[in-house]
């Protein structure tokens, strides 16, 4: 797989800049200088409270969330940073919906800005199911620098994979 798989579709000059940072072993330093330390949202309960606070601030009228957790089984390789699901069950004569947000566990150690961007993305799906213009407008309403953070998150994932690759025995 390409080292820059998270940047598919980006212009060649951007890819060249990222390759240069990787070759010079400066990508991690750039991200550390820009974002600093990891966030403090460690447990599933803290994550639920964090997501609920954002939902209460920006999406008060959206459907309630029943579950918000870090998920060890989400594969970032499959382009899933997090997931949102609605599960419908029939209980007697009623239809009951349960809404869940799951965030990939790799982001438990990510900078706070990346967690905010991912949560904004998943919360926006409560209102807009497609990745369309209103969806991204809602994301930027919740996180004004959403698009820059999304790009930098892609750089972060590339850095994590390149760091893992250098730690393997030869």
Protein backbone atom coordinates (compact mmCIF):
# COMPACT_ATOMS: atom_id res chain seq x y z
CA UNK A 1 0.00 0.00 0.00
CA UNK A 2 1.10 3.54 -0.68
CA UNK A 3 2.60 5.48 2.21
CA UNK A 4 0.30 8.36 1.26
CA UNK A 5 -2.93 6.38 0.96
CA UNK A 6 -4.77 8.86 3.21
CA UNK A 7 -4.04 11.64 0.72
CA UNK A 8 -5.53 10.00 -2.38
CA UNK A 9 -6.98 12.68 -4.61
CA UNK A 10 -4.77 15.50 -3.34
CA UNK A 11 -2.67 17.47 -5.88
CA UNK A 12 0.82 16.24 -6.74
CA UNK A 13 2.57 19.28 -5.21
CA UNK A 14 0.96 18.49 -1.82
CA UNK A 15 2.02 14.85 -2.06
CA UNK A 16 5.57 15.93 -2.90
CA UNK A 17 5.70 18.19 0.18
CA UNK A 18 4.48 15.37 2.43
CA UNK A 19 6.99 12.91 0.92
CA UNK A 20 9.77 15.42 1.60
CA UNK A 21 8.67 15.75 5.24
CA UNK A 22 8.64 11.96 5.58
CA UNK A 23 12.08 11.57 3.98
CA UNK A 24 13.50 14.25 6.29
CA UNK A 25 11.73 12.61 9.27
CA UNK A 26 10.06 15.95 10.11
CA UNK A 27 6.35 15.09 9.86
CA UNK A 28 6.03 14.08 13.51
CA UNK A 29 7.87 17.21 14.65
CA UNK A 30 5.60 19.42 12.53
CA UNK A 31 2.48 17.84 14.03
CA UNK A 32 3.81 18.02 17.60
CA UNK A 33 4.65 21.70 17.18
CA UNK A 34 1.23 22.43 15.74
CA UNK A 35 -0.90 20.38 18.14
CA UNK A 36 1.07 19.47 21.23
CA UNK A 37 -0.06 16.80 23.63
CA UNK A 38 -2.88 14.27 23.51
CA UNK A 39 -6.34 15.06 24.86
CA UNK A 40 -7.58 14.05 28.31
CA UNK A 41 -10.67 12.11 27.17
CA UNK A 42 -9.47 8.64 28.17
CA UNK A 43 -12.52 6.53 29.07
CA UNK A 44 -15.75 5.73 27.26
CA UNK A 45 -17.66 7.69 29.94
CA UNK A 46 -15.49 10.76 29.39
CA UNK A 47 -15.97 10.37 25.64
CA UNK A 48 -19.75 10.16 26.06
CA UNK A 49 -19.73 13.33 28.19
CA UNK A 50 -17.48 15.12 25.66
CA UNK A 51 -19.71 14.19 22.71
CA UNK A 52 -22.88 15.00 24.64
CA UNK A 53 -21.54 18.45 25.55
CA UNK A 54 -20.83 19.19 21.86
CA UNK A 55 -24.23 17.84 20.88
CA UNK A 56 -25.95 19.98 23.51
CA UNK A 57 -24.10 23.05 22.28
CA UNK A 58 -24.62 22.64 18.53
CA UNK A 59 -27.40 20.08 17.94
CA UNK A 60 -29.87 20.40 20.80
CA UNK A 61 -32.80 19.22 18.72
CA UNK A 62 -31.04 16.19 17.25
CA UNK A 63 -32.04 12.72 18.37
CA UNK A 64 -30.46 11.55 21.64
CA UNK A 65 -27.40 9.32 21.70
CA UNK A 66 -27.58 6.05 23.61
CA UNK A 67 -23.94 5.03 23.31
CA UNK A 68 -20.59 6.68 22.59
CA UNK A 69 -17.44 4.56 22.89
CA UNK A 70 -13.89 4.05 21.73
CA UNK A 71 -13.94 1.00 19.47
CA UNK A 72 -10.87 -1.25 19.20
CA UNK A 73 -12.34 -2.97 16.15
CA UNK A 74 -12.68 0.07 13.88
CA UNK A 75 -10.08 -0.14 11.16
CA UNK A 76 -8.73 3.24 10.08
CA UNK A 77 -7.41 1.47 6.99
CA UNK A 78 -11.02 1.11 5.86
CA UNK A 79 -11.31 4.92 6.08
CA UNK A 80 -13.41 4.78 9.24
CA UNK A 81 -12.24 7.26 11.85
CA UNK A 82 -15.49 6.80 13.65
CA UNK A 83 -18.95 5.48 12.91
CA UNK A 84 -22.47 6.52 13.63
CA UNK A 85 -25.25 3.97 13.61
CA UNK A 86 -28.96 3.97 14.11
CA UNK A 87 -30.39 0.66 15.21
CA UNK A 88 -34.15 0.24 14.99
CA UNK A 89 -35.98 -2.38 17.04
CA UNK A 90 -39.62 -3.23 17.37
CA UNK A 91 -40.80 -3.27 20.97
CA UNK A 92 -44.44 -4.28 21.05
CA UNK A 93 -46.29 -1.89 18.78
CA UNK A 94 -43.51 0.74 18.91
CA UNK A 95 -40.39 1.23 16.86
CA UNK A 96 -37.44 2.19 19.04
CA UNK A 97 -34.29 3.75 17.56
CA UNK A 98 -30.90 3.65 19.25
CA UNK A 99 -28.11 5.94 18.03
CA UNK A 100 -24.45 5.17 18.63
CA UNK A 101 -21.15 6.85 17.87
CA UNK A 102 -17.96 4.81 17.90
CA UNK A 103 -14.53 6.42 17.63
CA UNK A 104 -11.49 4.37 16.58
CA UNK A 105 -9.32 3.65 19.62
CA UNK A 106 -6.23 4.98 17.88
CA UNK A 107 -7.62 8.47 18.57
CA UNK A 108 -7.55 7.92 22.35
CA UNK A 109 -3.96 9.23 22.16
CA UNK A 110 -4.52 11.89 19.50
CA UNK A 111 -4.35 15.65 20.00
CA UNK A 112 -7.55 17.30 21.27
CA UNK A 113 -8.20 19.10 17.98
CA UNK A 114 -8.37 15.81 16.10
CA UNK A 115 -10.88 14.35 18.54
CA UNK A 116 -13.02 17.47 18.18
CA UNK A 117 -12.90 17.19 14.38
CA UNK A 118 -13.91 13.51 14.42
CA UNK A 119 -16.74 14.13 16.89
CA UNK A 120 -17.97 17.07 14.78
CA UNK A 121 -18.01 14.79 11.76
CA UNK A 122 -19.96 12.04 13.49
CA UNK A 123 -22.41 14.47 15.10
CA UNK A 124 -23.06 16.10 11.73
CA UNK A 125 -24.30 12.71 10.54
CA UNK A 126 -27.19 13.01 13.02
CA UNK A 127 -28.58 15.77 10.77
CA UNK A 128 -27.05 14.98 7.37
CA UNK A 129 -26.45 11.40 6.29
CA UNK A 130 -24.50 12.25 3.12
CA UNK A 131 -21.17 14.02 2.79
CA UNK A 132 -22.69 16.99 0.99
CA UNK A 133 -22.45 20.77 1.25
CA UNK A 134 -24.87 21.10 4.23
CA UNK A 135 -22.95 18.32 6.01
CA UNK A 136 -19.63 20.16 5.71
CA UNK A 137 -21.26 23.47 6.63
CA UNK A 138 -22.46 21.86 9.85
CA UNK A 139 -18.96 20.43 10.49
CA UNK A 140 -17.38 23.88 10.06
CA UNK A 141 -20.06 25.40 12.28
CA UNK A 142 -19.01 23.05 15.11
CA UNK A 143 -15.27 23.18 14.29
CA UNK A 144 -14.39 26.30 12.28
CA UNK A 145 -11.01 24.94 11.08
CA UNK A 146 -12.53 21.55 10.21
CA UNK A 147 -10.96 21.24 6.75
CA UNK A 148 -7.42 22.03 7.95
CA UNK A 149 -7.85 19.58 10.83
CA UNK A 150 -9.11 16.89 8.47
CA UNK A 151 -6.00 17.28 6.32
CA UNK A 152 -3.69 17.33 9.34
CA UNK A 153 -5.43 14.25 10.72
CA UNK A 154 -4.55 12.49 7.49
CA UNK A 155 -0.94 13.56 8.03
CA UNK A 156 -1.17 12.24 11.61
CA UNK A 157 -2.30 8.82 10.35
CA UNK A 158 0.55 8.75 7.82
CA UNK A 159 2.97 9.64 10.62
CA UNK A 160 1.61 6.86 12.88
CA UNK A 161 2.01 4.28 10.13
CA UNK A 162 5.50 5.46 9.16
CA UNK A 163 6.58 5.42 12.83
CA UNK A 164 5.29 1.86 13.21
CA UNK A 165 7.14 0.88 10.05
CA UNK A 166 10.46 2.15 11.41
CA UNK A 167 10.02 0.27 14.69
CA UNK A 168 9.75 -3.15 13.06
CA UNK A 169 12.86 -5.33 13.17
CA UNK A 170 14.74 -5.66 9.89
